[in-house]
């Protein structure tokens, strides 16, 4: 089997689309990125994993133990996706023009999201080019219950 064939099949694994947003209460710095590698992994405690490439926005803040939110993107409003898809300047606050609020655990929750999970880092592992973050869900918020979560199918498992 060719490596490219293997990557095509892996790309067919469906995933959601999420904005992972982190806020550092000490410095008031916010950062975030568009994510698709997110999965529930435990019922008790309620836990999820997300994968992030070292050096990406929010990586250092999450690894430092700051609370973060996984904002689930719904089909009701995708307008803010472009901003994260194309990226932004490293000195720019990616949330300046987006309505948001901080949850009870200081997770940065986008008002336009379908739902959000406030999380804290439990542990991490780096099995490949992405680091897998194991996080406990501390709180959840549903803003648009009627909306359907966006599903993302990639052309290849070798790229986003």
C-alpha atoms as a PDB file:
ATOM      1  CA  UNK A   1       0.000   0.000   0.000  1.00  0.00           C
ATOM      2  CA  UNK A   2       1.297   3.415  -0.911  1.00  0.00           C
ATOM      3  CA  UNK A   3       1.752   5.965   1.875  1.00  0.00           C
ATOM      4  CA  UNK A   4      -0.547   8.357  -0.021  1.00  0.00           C
ATOM      5  CA  UNK A   5      -3.328   5.717  -0.124  1.00  0.00           C
ATOM      6  CA  UNK A   6      -3.053   5.254   3.626  1.00  0.00           C
ATOM      7  CA  UNK A   7      -3.303   9.019   4.168  1.00  0.00           C
ATOM      8  CA  UNK A   8      -6.424   9.276   1.970  1.00  0.00           C
ATOM      9  CA  UNK A   9      -8.229   6.661   4.054  1.00  0.00           C
ATOM     10  CA  UNK A  10      -7.188   8.320   7.331  1.00  0.00           C
ATOM     11  CA  UNK A  11      -8.552  11.625   6.014  1.00  0.00           C
ATOM     12  CA  UNK A  12     -11.996  10.032   5.796  1.00  0.00           C
ATOM     13  CA  UNK A  13     -12.249   9.834   9.590  1.00  0.00           C
ATOM     14  CA  UNK A  14     -14.912  12.442  10.421  1.00  0.00           C
ATOM     15  CA  UNK A  15     -14.179  15.073  13.018  1.00  0.00           C
ATOM     16  CA  UNK A  16     -15.810  18.212  14.278  1.00  0.00           C
ATOM     17  CA  UNK A  17     -14.551  21.771  13.984  1.00  0.00           C
ATOM     18  CA  UNK A  18     -13.663  23.656  17.135  1.00  0.00           C
ATOM     19  CA  UNK A  19     -12.107  26.900  18.262  1.00  0.00           C
ATOM     20  CA  UNK A  20      -9.824  26.149  21.185  1.00  0.00           C
ATOM     21  CA  UNK A  21      -9.510  29.365  23.187  1.00  0.00           C
ATOM     22  CA  UNK A  22      -7.278  30.013  26.168  1.00  0.00           C
ATOM     23  CA  UNK A  23      -7.083  32.901  28.590  1.00  0.00           C
ATOM     24  CA  UNK A  24      -4.280  33.575  31.055  1.00  0.00           C
ATOM     25  CA  UNK A  25      -5.867  35.308  34.078  1.00  0.00           C
ATOM     26  CA  UNK A  26      -2.476  36.536  35.341  1.00  0.00           C
ATOM     27  CA  UNK A  27      -1.405  38.329  32.143  1.00  0.00           C
ATOM     28  CA  UNK A  28      -4.857  38.807  30.524  1.00  0.00           C
ATOM     29  CA  UNK A  29      -3.434  37.254  27.319  1.00  0.00           C
ATOM     30  CA  UNK A  30      -5.877  35.404  25.050  1.00  0.00           C
ATOM     31  CA  UNK A  31      -5.055  33.050  22.209  1.00  0.00           C
ATOM     32  CA  UNK A  32      -6.744  30.341  20.190  1.00  0.00           C
ATOM     33  CA  UNK A  33      -6.762  28.160  17.114  1.00  0.00           C
ATOM     34  CA  UNK A  34      -9.004  26.140  14.822  1.00  0.00           C
ATOM     35  CA  UNK A  35      -8.941  22.477  15.837  1.00  0.00           C
ATOM     36  CA  UNK A  36     -10.402  19.264  14.487  1.00  0.00           C
ATOM     37  CA  UNK A  37      -8.565  16.618  16.522  1.00  0.00           C
ATOM     38  CA  UNK A  38     -10.860  16.518  19.590  1.00  0.00           C
ATOM     39  CA  UNK A  39     -12.420  13.428  21.183  1.00  0.00           C
ATOM     40  CA  UNK A  40     -14.113  12.378  24.436  1.00  0.00           C
ATOM     41  CA  UNK A  41     -12.046   9.738  26.249  1.00  0.00           C
ATOM     42  CA  UNK A  42     -13.588   9.236  29.700  1.00  0.00           C
ATOM     43  CA  UNK A  43     -16.945   9.298  31.482  1.00  0.00           C
ATOM     44  CA  UNK A  44     -15.626   9.607  35.031  1.00  0.00           C
ATOM     45  CA  UNK A  45     -14.071  12.018  35.287  1.00  0.00           C
ATOM     46  CA  UNK A  46     -15.442  13.558  32.112  1.00  0.00           C
ATOM     47  CA  UNK A  47     -12.372  14.004  29.903  1.00  0.00           C
ATOM     48  CA  UNK A  48     -11.448  14.876  26.328  1.00  0.00           C
ATOM     49  CA  UNK A  49      -8.301  14.847  24.242  1.00  0.00           C
ATOM     50  CA  UNK A  50      -7.179  17.398  21.734  1.00  0.00           C
ATOM     51  CA  UNK A  51      -4.104  17.408  19.565  1.00  0.00           C
ATOM     52  CA  UNK A  52      -2.013  20.509  19.029  1.00  0.00           C
ATOM     53  CA  UNK A  53       1.217  20.985  17.153  1.00  0.00           C
ATOM     54  CA  UNK A  54       3.915  22.587  19.326  1.00  0.00           C
ATOM     55  CA  UNK A  55       4.456  26.183  18.286  1.00  0.00           C
ATOM     56  CA  UNK A  56       0.819  26.716  17.315  1.00  0.00           C
ATOM     57  CA  UNK A  57      -1.192  29.531  18.885  1.00  0.00           C
ATOM     58  CA  UNK A  58      -2.321  28.728  22.434  1.00  0.00           C
ATOM     59  CA  UNK A  59       0.161  25.852  22.879  1.00  0.00           C
ATOM     60  CA  UNK A  60       2.321  27.500  25.551  1.00  0.00           C
ATOM     61  CA  UNK A  61      -0.681  28.868  27.459  1.00  0.00           C
ATOM     62  CA  UNK A  62      -2.393  25.455  27.574  1.00  0.00           C
ATOM     63  CA  UNK A  63       0.831  23.680  28.556  1.00  0.00           C
ATOM     64  CA  UNK A  64       1.318  26.227  31.372  1.00  0.00           C
ATOM     65  CA  UNK A  65      -1.939  24.966  32.905  1.00  0.00           C
ATOM     66  CA  UNK A  66      -4.224  27.852  32.013  1.00  0.00           C
ATOM     67  CA  UNK A  67      -7.927  27.027  31.705  1.00  0.00           C
ATOM     68  CA  UNK A  68      -9.165  26.744  28.138  1.00  0.00           C
ATOM     69  CA  UNK A  69     -12.425  26.261  26.282  1.00  0.00           C
ATOM     70  CA  UNK A  70     -13.205  24.007  23.371  1.00  0.00           C
ATOM     71  CA  UNK A  71     -15.849  25.937  21.432  1.00  0.00           C
ATOM     72  CA  UNK A  72     -17.939  23.604  19.280  1.00  0.00           C
ATOM     73  CA  UNK A  73     -18.810  25.184  15.938  1.00  0.00           C
ATOM     74  CA  UNK A  74     -22.394  24.756  14.786  1.00  0.00           C
ATOM     75  CA  UNK A  75     -24.021  25.093  11.385  1.00  0.00           C
ATOM     76  CA  UNK A  76     -25.989  28.164  12.530  1.00  0.00           C
ATOM     77  CA  UNK A  77     -23.012  30.548  12.268  1.00  0.00           C
ATOM     78  CA  UNK A  78     -19.719  29.830  10.514  1.00  0.00           C
ATOM     79  CA  UNK A  79     -18.770  33.455   9.837  1.00  0.00           C
ATOM     80  CA  UNK A  80     -15.909  33.540  12.335  1.00  0.00           C
ATOM     81  CA  UNK A  81     -14.221  30.403  10.950  1.00  0.00           C
ATOM     82  CA  UNK A  82     -12.301  32.259   8.205  1.00  0.00           C
ATOM     83  CA  UNK A  83     -10.454  34.323  10.783  1.00  0.00           C
ATOM     84  CA  UNK A  84      -8.980  31.203  12.370  1.00  0.00           C
ATOM     85  CA  UNK A  85      -8.657  29.188   9.144  1.00  0.00           C
ATOM     86  CA  UNK A  86      -6.318  31.688   7.501  1.00  0.00           C
ATOM     87  CA  UNK A  87      -4.478  32.566  10.713  1.00  0.00           C
ATOM     88  CA  UNK A  88      -3.664  35.896  12.269  1.00  0.00           C
ATOM     89  CA  UNK A  89      -0.657  37.970  13.287  1.00  0.00           C
ATOM     90  CA  UNK A  90       1.144  36.643  16.378  1.00  0.00           C
ATOM     91  CA  UNK A  91       0.720  39.996  18.160  1.00  0.00           C
ATOM     92  CA  UNK A  92      -2.995  40.176  17.389  1.00  0.00           C
ATOM     93  CA  UNK A  93      -5.685  39.193  19.880  1.00  0.00           C
ATOM     94  CA  UNK A  94      -7.774  36.768  17.780  1.00  0.00           C
ATOM     95  CA  UNK A  95     -10.887  37.539  19.830  1.00  0.00           C
ATOM     96  CA  UNK A  96     -10.898  41.356  19.552  1.00  0.00           C
ATOM     97  CA  UNK A  97     -13.775  41.376  17.064  1.00  0.00           C
ATOM     98  CA  UNK A  98     -15.676  38.337  18.355  1.00  0.00           C
ATOM     99  CA  UNK A  99     -18.237  38.426  21.151  1.00  0.00           C
ATOM    100  CA  UNK A 100     -17.170  36.191  24.023  1.00  0.00           C
ATOM    101  CA  UNK A 101     -17.364  35.828  27.769  1.00  0.00           C
ATOM    102  CA  UNK A 102     -15.342  34.026  30.414  1.00  0.00           C
ATOM    103  CA  UNK A 103     -16.934  31.005  32.050  1.00  0.00           C
ATOM    104  CA  UNK A 104     -16.798  30.145  35.736  1.00  0.00           C
ATOM    105  CA  UNK A 105     -13.417  28.411  35.240  1.00  0.00           C
ATOM    106  CA  UNK A 106     -12.106  31.283  33.061  1.00  0.00           C
ATOM    107  CA  UNK A 107     -12.554  29.399  29.790  1.00  0.00           C
ATOM    108  CA  UNK A 108     -12.970  31.812  26.872  1.00  0.00           C
ATOM    109  CA  UNK A 109     -16.428  31.035  25.469  1.00  0.00           C
ATOM    110  CA  UNK A 110     -17.451  32.333  22.045  1.00  0.00           C
ATOM    111  CA  UNK A 111     -21.035  33.597  22.136  1.00  0.00           C
ATOM    112  CA  UNK A 112     -21.579  32.377  18.537  1.00  0.00           C
ATOM    113  CA  UNK A 113     -20.522  28.784  19.251  1.00  0.00           C
ATOM    114  CA  UNK A 114     -22.989  25.909  19.450  1.00  0.00           C
ATOM    115  CA  UNK A 115     -21.540  24.835  22.790  1.00  0.00           C
ATOM    116  CA  UNK A 116     -18.344  25.080  24.811  1.00  0.00           C
ATOM    117  CA  UNK A 117     -16.386  22.895  27.213  1.00  0.00           C
ATOM    118  CA  UNK A 118     -14.281  24.547  29.899  1.00  0.00           C
ATOM    119  CA  UNK A 119     -11.232  22.362  30.469  1.00  0.00           C
ATOM    120  CA  UNK A 120      -8.001  22.061  32.412  1.00  0.00           C
ATOM    121  CA  UNK A 121      -4.884  20.159  31.429  1.00  0.00           C
ATOM    122  CA  UNK A 122      -4.405  16.816  33.193  1.00  0.00           C
ATOM    123  CA  UNK A 123      -1.479  15.411  31.201  1.00  0.00           C
ATOM    124  CA  UNK A 124       0.081  15.355  27.748  1.00  0.00           C
ATOM    125  CA  UNK A 125       1.867  12.937  25.437  1.00  0.00           C
ATOM    126  CA  UNK A 126       3.805  13.531  22.226  1.00  0.00           C
ATOM    127  CA  UNK A 127       3.529  10.355  20.110  1.00  0.00           C
ATOM    128  CA  UNK A 128       4.148  12.126  16.781  1.00  0.00           C
ATOM    129  CA  UNK A 129       4.289  15.638  15.358  1.00  0.00           C
ATOM    130  CA  UNK A 130       1.296  16.716  17.486  1.00  0.00           C
ATOM    131  CA  UNK A 131       1.038  16.695  21.251  1.00  0.00           C
ATOM    132  CA  UNK A 132      -2.053  15.022  22.704  1.00  0.00           C
ATOM    133  CA  UNK A 133      -3.555  17.019  25.556  1.00  0.00           C
ATOM    134  CA  UNK A 134      -5.627  15.087  28.086  1.00  0.00           C
ATOM    135  CA  UNK A 135      -8.062  17.502  29.716  1.00  0.00           C
ATOM    136  CA  UNK A 136     -10.779  17.310  32.333  1.00  0.00           C
ATOM    137  CA  UNK A 137     -14.064  19.027  31.492  1.00  0.00           C
ATOM    138  CA  UNK A 138     -14.863  21.348  34.406  1.00  0.00           C
ATOM    139  CA  UNK A 139     -18.011  22.942  32.968  1.00  0.00           C
ATOM    140  CA  UNK A 140     -20.049  22.932  29.790  1.00  0.00           C
ATOM    141  CA  UNK A 141     -22.293  25.484  28.138  1.00  0.00           C
ATOM    142  CA  UNK A 142     -24.876  25.060  25.370  1.00  0.00           C
ATOM    143  CA  UNK A 143     -25.667  28.296  23.568  1.00  0.00           C
ATOM    144  CA  UNK A 144     -27.383  26.997  20.402  1.00  0.00           C
ATOM    145  CA  UNK A 145     -29.002  23.635  21.136  1.00  0.00           C
ATOM    146  CA  UNK A 146     -30.880  23.450  17.817  1.00  0.00           C
ATOM    147  CA  UNK A 147     -27.741  23.881  15.724  1.00  0.00           C
ATOM    148  CA  UNK A 148     -25.945  20.823  14.345  1.00  0.00           C
ATOM    149  CA  UNK A 149     -22.223  20.420  15.000  1.00  0.00           C
ATOM    150  CA  UNK A 150     -20.092  20.925  11.895  1.00  0.00           C
ATOM    151  CA  UNK A 151     -18.391  17.787  10.589  1.00  0.00           C
ATOM    152  CA  UNK A 152     -15.060  17.948   8.779  1.00  0.00           C
ATOM    153  CA  UNK A 153     -13.825  15.301   6.299  1.00  0.00           C
ATOM    154  CA  UNK A 154     -10.304  15.859   4.986  1.00  0.00           C
ATOM    155  CA  UNK A 155      -8.979  14.929   1.540  1.00  0.00           C
ATOM    156  CA  UNK A 156      -5.913  13.404   3.159  1.00  0.00           C
ATOM    157  CA  UNK A 157      -4.793  12.372   6.610  1.00  0.00           C
ATOM    158  CA  UNK A 158      -1.436  13.989   5.818  1.00  0.00           C
ATOM    159  CA  UNK A 159      -2.768  17.558   6.099  1.00  0.00           C
ATOM    160  CA  UNK A 160      -5.455  19.585   7.829  1.00  0.00           C
END
